[in-house]
Amino acid sequence: MKRYLLRSLKYFVTLCLLFVALVWLKITYENLPLTMGQMMQLYFSAWNGWVMAVVIVVMSATYPLFGFVTRKTDGDITADRQQIEAAMATTGLVLKSADDNCLVFRATGLQRLTLLFEDEVTVCQQDGELILSGHRRTVVRATIRLEGYLVNKRRDE
């Protein structure tokens, strides 16, 4: 629950900053004779500003529900380790920690910032399957690449 609230708060702050940046761009590029405070007052004096505020709150509250996933694929964490690491490397992830049953990968550089430091992807072994969990976009990309590498490995064997 703590992680969910932290993720929601991160996305709330990010969406608020995006809204403020868009308002600033509007003032700047349309040469409006208004200050940022006046523009915000103007937005929130109308119904549209309050709708935007509600949308930001709802999106930030629900994003952790649909922004993070778990995917399964056939494989073995020890036998297919080379393919797992290759798939993660092409996705932009590097191995940060490993144990007998799980591998933890993290993004590097700017990709970490774009994912709001929610860049951890775990690969765990469970009943003959590999379980990948983390940020939706990263996990889906990694799963697609991993499945391709595993198919190629089995075809070559």
C-alpha atoms as a PDB file:
ATOM      1  CA  MET A   1       0.000   0.000   0.000  1.00  0.00           C
ATOM      2  CA  LYS A   2       2.885   2.352   0.808  1.00  0.00           C
ATOM      3  CA  ARG A   3       4.390   1.743  -2.639  1.00  0.00           C
ATOM      4  CA  TYR A   4       1.011   2.400  -4.297  1.00  0.00           C
ATOM      5  CA  LEU A   5       0.629   5.741  -2.510  1.00  0.00           C
ATOM      6  CA  LEU A   6       4.188   6.743  -3.376  1.00  0.00           C
ATOM      7  CA  ARG A   7       3.610   5.931  -7.045  1.00  0.00           C
ATOM      8  CA  SER A   8       0.346   7.873  -7.045  1.00  0.00           C
ATOM      9  CA  LEU A   9       2.042  10.864  -5.460  1.00  0.00           C
ATOM     10  CA  LYS A  10       4.855  10.758  -8.038  1.00  0.00           C
ATOM     11  CA  TYR A  11       2.400  10.733 -10.915  1.00  0.00           C
ATOM     12  CA  PHE A  12       0.313  13.489  -9.317  1.00  0.00           C
ATOM     13  CA  VAL A  13       3.351  15.760  -9.024  1.00  0.00           C
ATOM     14  CA  THR A  14       4.452  14.917 -12.564  1.00  0.00           C
ATOM     15  CA  LEU A  15       1.013  15.653 -14.032  1.00  0.00           C
ATOM     16  CA  CYS A  16       0.789  18.928 -12.092  1.00  0.00           C
ATOM     17  CA  LEU A  17       4.214  19.973 -13.389  1.00  0.00           C
ATOM     18  CA  LEU A  18       3.150  19.054 -16.918  1.00  0.00           C
ATOM     19  CA  PHE A  19       0.000  21.160 -16.558  1.00  0.00           C
ATOM     20  CA  VAL A  20       2.001  24.134 -15.252  1.00  0.00           C
ATOM     21  CA  ALA A  21       4.521  23.758 -18.087  1.00  0.00           C
ATOM     22  CA  LEU A  22       1.731  23.739 -20.681  1.00  0.00           C
ATOM     23  CA  VAL A  23       0.182  26.868 -19.157  1.00  0.00           C
ATOM     24  CA  TRP A  24       3.590  28.563 -19.192  1.00  0.00           C
ATOM     25  CA  LEU A  25       4.072  27.621 -22.851  1.00  0.00           C
ATOM     26  CA  LYS A  26       0.644  29.031 -23.665  1.00  0.00           C
ATOM     27  CA  ILE A  27       1.474  32.340 -21.965  1.00  0.00           C
ATOM     28  CA  THR A  28       4.900  32.524 -23.587  1.00  0.00           C
ATOM     29  CA  TYR A  29       4.100  31.584 -27.168  1.00  0.00           C
ATOM     30  CA  GLU A  30       0.782  33.374 -27.438  1.00  0.00           C
ATOM     31  CA  ASN A  31       2.319  36.570 -25.952  1.00  0.00           C
ATOM     32  CA  LEU A  32      -0.451  36.862 -23.387  1.00  0.00           C
ATOM     33  CA  PRO A  33      -0.240  39.846 -21.031  1.00  0.00           C
ATOM     34  CA  LEU A  34      -0.948  37.616 -18.023  1.00  0.00           C
ATOM     35  CA  THR A  35       1.211  36.284 -15.230  1.00  0.00           C
ATOM     36  CA  MET A  36       1.201  32.627 -14.311  1.00  0.00           C
ATOM     37  CA  GLY A  37      -0.957  33.347 -11.251  1.00  0.00           C
ATOM     38  CA  GLN A  38      -3.498  35.253 -13.299  1.00  0.00           C
ATOM     39  CA  MET A  39      -3.642  32.460 -15.861  1.00  0.00           C
ATOM     40  CA  MET A  40      -4.238  29.866 -13.141  1.00  0.00           C
ATOM     41  CA  GLN A  41      -6.979  32.046 -11.667  1.00  0.00           C
ATOM     42  CA  LEU A  42      -8.516  32.264 -15.107  1.00  0.00           C
ATOM     43  CA  TYR A  43      -8.400  28.476 -15.545  1.00  0.00           C
ATOM     44  CA  PHE A  44      -9.926  27.742 -12.157  1.00  0.00           C
ATOM     45  CA  SER A  45     -12.617  30.398 -12.434  1.00  0.00           C
ATOM     46  CA  ALA A  46     -14.149  28.292 -15.186  1.00  0.00           C
ATOM     47  CA  TRP A  47     -15.492  24.755 -15.038  1.00  0.00           C
ATOM     48  CA  ASN A  48     -12.741  23.438 -17.360  1.00  0.00           C
ATOM     49  CA  GLY A  49      -9.995  24.127 -14.825  1.00  0.00           C
ATOM     50  CA  TRP A  50     -11.760  22.097 -12.146  1.00  0.00           C
ATOM     51  CA  VAL A  51     -12.389  19.266 -14.594  1.00  0.00           C
ATOM     52  CA  MET A  52      -8.657  19.249 -15.394  1.00  0.00           C
ATOM     53  CA  ALA A  53      -7.859  19.084 -11.665  1.00  0.00           C
ATOM     54  CA  VAL A  54     -10.203  16.120 -11.200  1.00  0.00           C
ATOM     55  CA  VAL A  55      -8.705  14.371 -14.237  1.00  0.00           C
ATOM     56  CA  ILE A  56      -5.195  14.823 -12.822  1.00  0.00           C
ATOM     57  CA  VAL A  57      -6.239  13.402  -9.443  1.00  0.00           C
ATOM     58  CA  VAL A  58      -8.075  10.429 -10.981  1.00  0.00           C
ATOM     59  CA  MET A  59      -5.245   9.621 -13.388  1.00  0.00           C
ATOM     60  CA  SER A  60      -2.594   9.757 -10.679  1.00  0.00           C
ATOM     61  CA  ALA A  61      -4.718   7.648  -8.327  1.00  0.00           C
ATOM     62  CA  THR A  62      -5.429   4.932 -10.885  1.00  0.00           C
ATOM     63  CA  TYR A  63      -2.154   4.804 -12.813  1.00  0.00           C
ATOM     64  CA  PRO A  64      -0.441   2.394 -10.393  1.00  0.00           C
ATOM     65  CA  LEU A  65      -3.291  -0.066 -11.021  1.00  0.00           C
ATOM     66  CA  PHE A  66      -2.790  -0.297 -14.778  1.00  0.00           C
ATOM     67  CA  GLY A  67       0.778   0.996 -15.147  1.00  0.00           C
ATOM     68  CA  PHE A  68       2.461  -2.036 -13.609  1.00  0.00           C
ATOM     69  CA  VAL A  69       2.042  -5.628 -14.771  1.00  0.00           C
ATOM     70  CA  THR A  70       3.217  -9.193 -14.386  1.00  0.00           C
ATOM     71  CA  ARG A  71       3.844 -11.333 -17.465  1.00  0.00           C
ATOM     72  CA  LYS A  72       4.658 -15.044 -17.743  1.00  0.00           C
ATOM     73  CA  THR A  73       6.726 -16.878 -20.318  1.00  0.00           C
ATOM     74  CA  ASP A  74       8.157 -20.388 -20.512  1.00  0.00           C
ATOM     75  CA  GLY A  75      11.779 -20.637 -19.479  1.00  0.00           C
ATOM     76  CA  ASP A  76      14.315 -21.509 -16.833  1.00  0.00           C
ATOM     77  CA  ILE A  77      16.170 -18.811 -14.969  1.00  0.00           C
ATOM     78  CA  THR A  78      19.452 -20.745 -14.812  1.00  0.00           C
ATOM     79  CA  ALA A  79      19.466 -22.393 -18.251  1.00  0.00           C
ATOM     80  CA  ASP A  80      18.236 -19.273 -20.053  1.00  0.00           C
ATOM     81  CA  ARG A  81      20.183 -16.681 -18.071  1.00  0.00           C
ATOM     82  CA  GLN A  82      22.204 -15.523 -21.068  1.00  0.00           C
ATOM     83  CA  GLN A  83      19.044 -14.914 -23.102  1.00  0.00           C
ATOM     84  CA  ILE A  84      17.376 -13.146 -20.173  1.00  0.00           C
ATOM     85  CA  GLU A  85      20.311 -10.772 -19.732  1.00  0.00           C
ATOM     86  CA  ALA A  86      20.507 -10.135 -23.495  1.00  0.00           C
ATOM     87  CA  ALA A  87      16.791  -9.337 -23.699  1.00  0.00           C
ATOM     88  CA  MET A  88      17.025  -6.978 -20.757  1.00  0.00           C
ATOM     89  CA  ALA A  89      20.124  -5.285 -22.185  1.00  0.00           C
ATOM     90  CA  THR A  90      18.336  -4.577 -25.479  1.00  0.00           C
ATOM     91  CA  THR A  91      15.463  -3.124 -23.461  1.00  0.00           C
ATOM     92  CA  GLY A  92      17.917  -0.792 -21.714  1.00  0.00           C
ATOM     93  CA  LEU A  93      18.120  -2.607 -18.382  1.00  0.00           C
ATOM     94  CA  VAL A  94      21.162  -3.804 -16.471  1.00  0.00           C
ATOM     95  CA  LEU A  95      21.392  -6.509 -13.816  1.00  0.00           C
ATOM     96  CA  LYS A  96      21.462  -5.023 -10.319  1.00  0.00           C
ATOM     97  CA  SER A  97      21.033  -8.087  -8.127  1.00  0.00           C
ATOM     98  CA  ALA A  98      20.572 -11.805  -8.446  1.00  0.00           C
ATOM     99  CA  ASP A  99      19.805 -14.804  -6.299  1.00  0.00           C
ATOM    100  CA  ASP A 100      18.850 -18.403  -7.031  1.00  0.00           C
ATOM    101  CA  ASN A 101      15.259 -17.627  -7.903  1.00  0.00           C
ATOM    102  CA  CYS A 102      15.101 -13.956  -9.002  1.00  0.00           C
ATOM    103  CA  LEU A 103      16.997 -11.443 -11.104  1.00  0.00           C
ATOM    104  CA  VAL A 104      16.465  -7.721 -10.605  1.00  0.00           C
ATOM    105  CA  PHE A 105      17.125  -5.326 -13.476  1.00  0.00           C
ATOM    106  CA  ARG A 106      17.146  -1.518 -13.473  1.00  0.00           C
ATOM    107  CA  ALA A 107      17.259   1.114 -16.165  1.00  0.00           C
ATOM    108  CA  THR A 108      20.162   3.497 -16.560  1.00  0.00           C
ATOM    109  CA  GLY A 109      20.486   7.191 -17.216  1.00  0.00           C
ATOM    110  CA  LEU A 110      17.610   9.193 -18.626  1.00  0.00           C
ATOM    111  CA  GLN A 111      15.341   6.147 -18.885  1.00  0.00           C
ATOM    112  CA  ARG A 112      15.247   6.005 -15.062  1.00  0.00           C
ATOM    113  CA  LEU A 113      14.033   9.590 -14.935  1.00  0.00           C
ATOM    114  CA  THR A 114      11.365   9.069 -17.591  1.00  0.00           C
ATOM    115  CA  LEU A 115      10.058   6.116 -15.575  1.00  0.00           C
ATOM    116  CA  LEU A 116      10.106   8.264 -12.405  1.00  0.00           C
ATOM    117  CA  PHE A 117      12.616   5.845 -10.845  1.00  0.00           C
ATOM    118  CA  GLU A 118      10.013   3.055 -11.007  1.00  0.00           C
ATOM    119  CA  ASP A 119      12.299   1.199 -13.392  1.00  0.00           C
ATOM    120  CA  GLU A 120      12.787  -2.081 -11.554  1.00  0.00           C
ATOM    121  CA  VAL A 121      11.950  -5.239 -13.496  1.00  0.00           C
ATOM    122  CA  THR A 122      12.155  -8.553 -11.664  1.00  0.00           C
ATOM    123  CA  VAL A 123      12.462 -11.911 -13.363  1.00  0.00           C
ATOM    124  CA  CYS A 124      11.587 -14.818 -11.085  1.00  0.00           C
ATOM    125  CA  GLN A 125      11.276 -18.561 -11.614  1.00  0.00           C
ATOM    126  CA  GLN A 126       7.984 -20.179 -10.694  1.00  0.00           C
ATOM    127  CA  ASP A 127       6.852 -23.670 -11.725  1.00  0.00           C
ATOM    128  CA  GLY A 128       8.771 -23.837 -15.013  1.00  0.00           C
ATOM    129  CA  GLU A 129       7.813 -20.292 -16.001  1.00  0.00           C
ATOM    130  CA  LEU A 130       9.587 -16.980 -15.871  1.00  0.00           C
ATOM    131  CA  ILE A 131       7.562 -14.252 -14.192  1.00  0.00           C
ATOM    132  CA  LEU A 132       8.464 -10.703 -15.259  1.00  0.00           C
ATOM    133  CA  SER A 133       7.018  -7.850 -13.228  1.00  0.00           C
ATOM    134  CA  GLY A 134       7.433  -4.085 -13.261  1.00  0.00           C
ATOM    135  CA  HIS A 135       6.454  -1.058 -15.309  1.00  0.00           C
ATOM    136  CA  ARG A 136       4.033  -2.068 -18.084  1.00  0.00           C
ATOM    137  CA  ARG A 137       5.891  -0.664 -21.093  1.00  0.00           C
ATOM    138  CA  THR A 138       9.252  -2.026 -19.974  1.00  0.00           C
ATOM    139  CA  VAL A 139       7.924  -5.470 -19.041  1.00  0.00           C
ATOM    140  CA  VAL A 140       6.028  -5.874 -22.309  1.00  0.00           C
ATOM    141  CA  ARG A 141       9.084  -4.912 -24.363  1.00  0.00           C
ATOM    142  CA  ALA A 142      11.340  -7.185 -22.352  1.00  0.00           C
ATOM    143  CA  THR A 143       8.895 -10.106 -22.582  1.00  0.00           C
ATOM    144  CA  ILE A 144       8.597  -9.815 -26.352  1.00  0.00           C
ATOM    145  CA  ARG A 145      12.369  -9.708 -26.766  1.00  0.00           C
ATOM    146  CA  LEU A 146      12.928 -12.534 -24.279  1.00  0.00           C
ATOM    147  CA  GLU A 147      10.418 -14.791 -26.025  1.00  0.00           C
ATOM    148  CA  GLY A 148      12.192 -14.141 -29.321  1.00  0.00           C
ATOM    149  CA  TYR A 149      15.585 -14.993 -27.824  1.00  0.00           C
ATOM    150  CA  LEU A 150      14.213 -18.152 -26.241  1.00  0.00           C
ATOM    151  CA  VAL A 151      12.618 -19.304 -29.511  1.00  0.00           C
ATOM    152  CA  ASN A 152      15.920 -18.730 -31.320  1.00  0.00           C
ATOM    153  CA  LYS A 153      17.842 -20.645 -28.630  1.00  0.00           C
ATOM    154  CA  ARG A 154      15.490 -23.624 -28.818  1.00  0.00           C
ATOM    155  CA  ARG A 155      15.579 -23.605 -32.603  1.00  0.00           C
ATOM    156  CA  ASP A 156      19.397 -23.630 -32.589  1.00  0.00           C
ATOM    157  CA  GLU A 157      19.540 -26.544 -30.130  1.00  0.00           C
END
